[in-house]
Amino acid sequence: MGQNLLIKLGERIRSLRKTRDLSQEELAEKASLHSTYVGRIERGEVTFSVGVLYGIAVALGVNIDKTTFSLFWLPINQLPKETS
């Protein structure tokens, strides 16, 4: 995954978590992850699998499409730009 995409996805996960008034620790527990890993995901510091994304989405009570803010359905020219 590109770094910019990871940052945008992490920001979206953080926003959804805060909307649900969950701490990183609470989200991590619900998603069967370590809280430091959730923090690194939210900051866009790590790549992660679709399985992890699915677990986070379930823990947040949303579907993956809402979590990823429909990135996979955007036209190529509207995807976040890569930064080198």
Foldseek 3Di string as FASTA:
>chain_A
DFLVLQQVLLCLLVVLCVVVVHDLCQLCVQLVHHSVVNVCSNRSNDDDDVSSLCSSCVSSVHGSCSSSVNLVVDDPVPHDDHDD
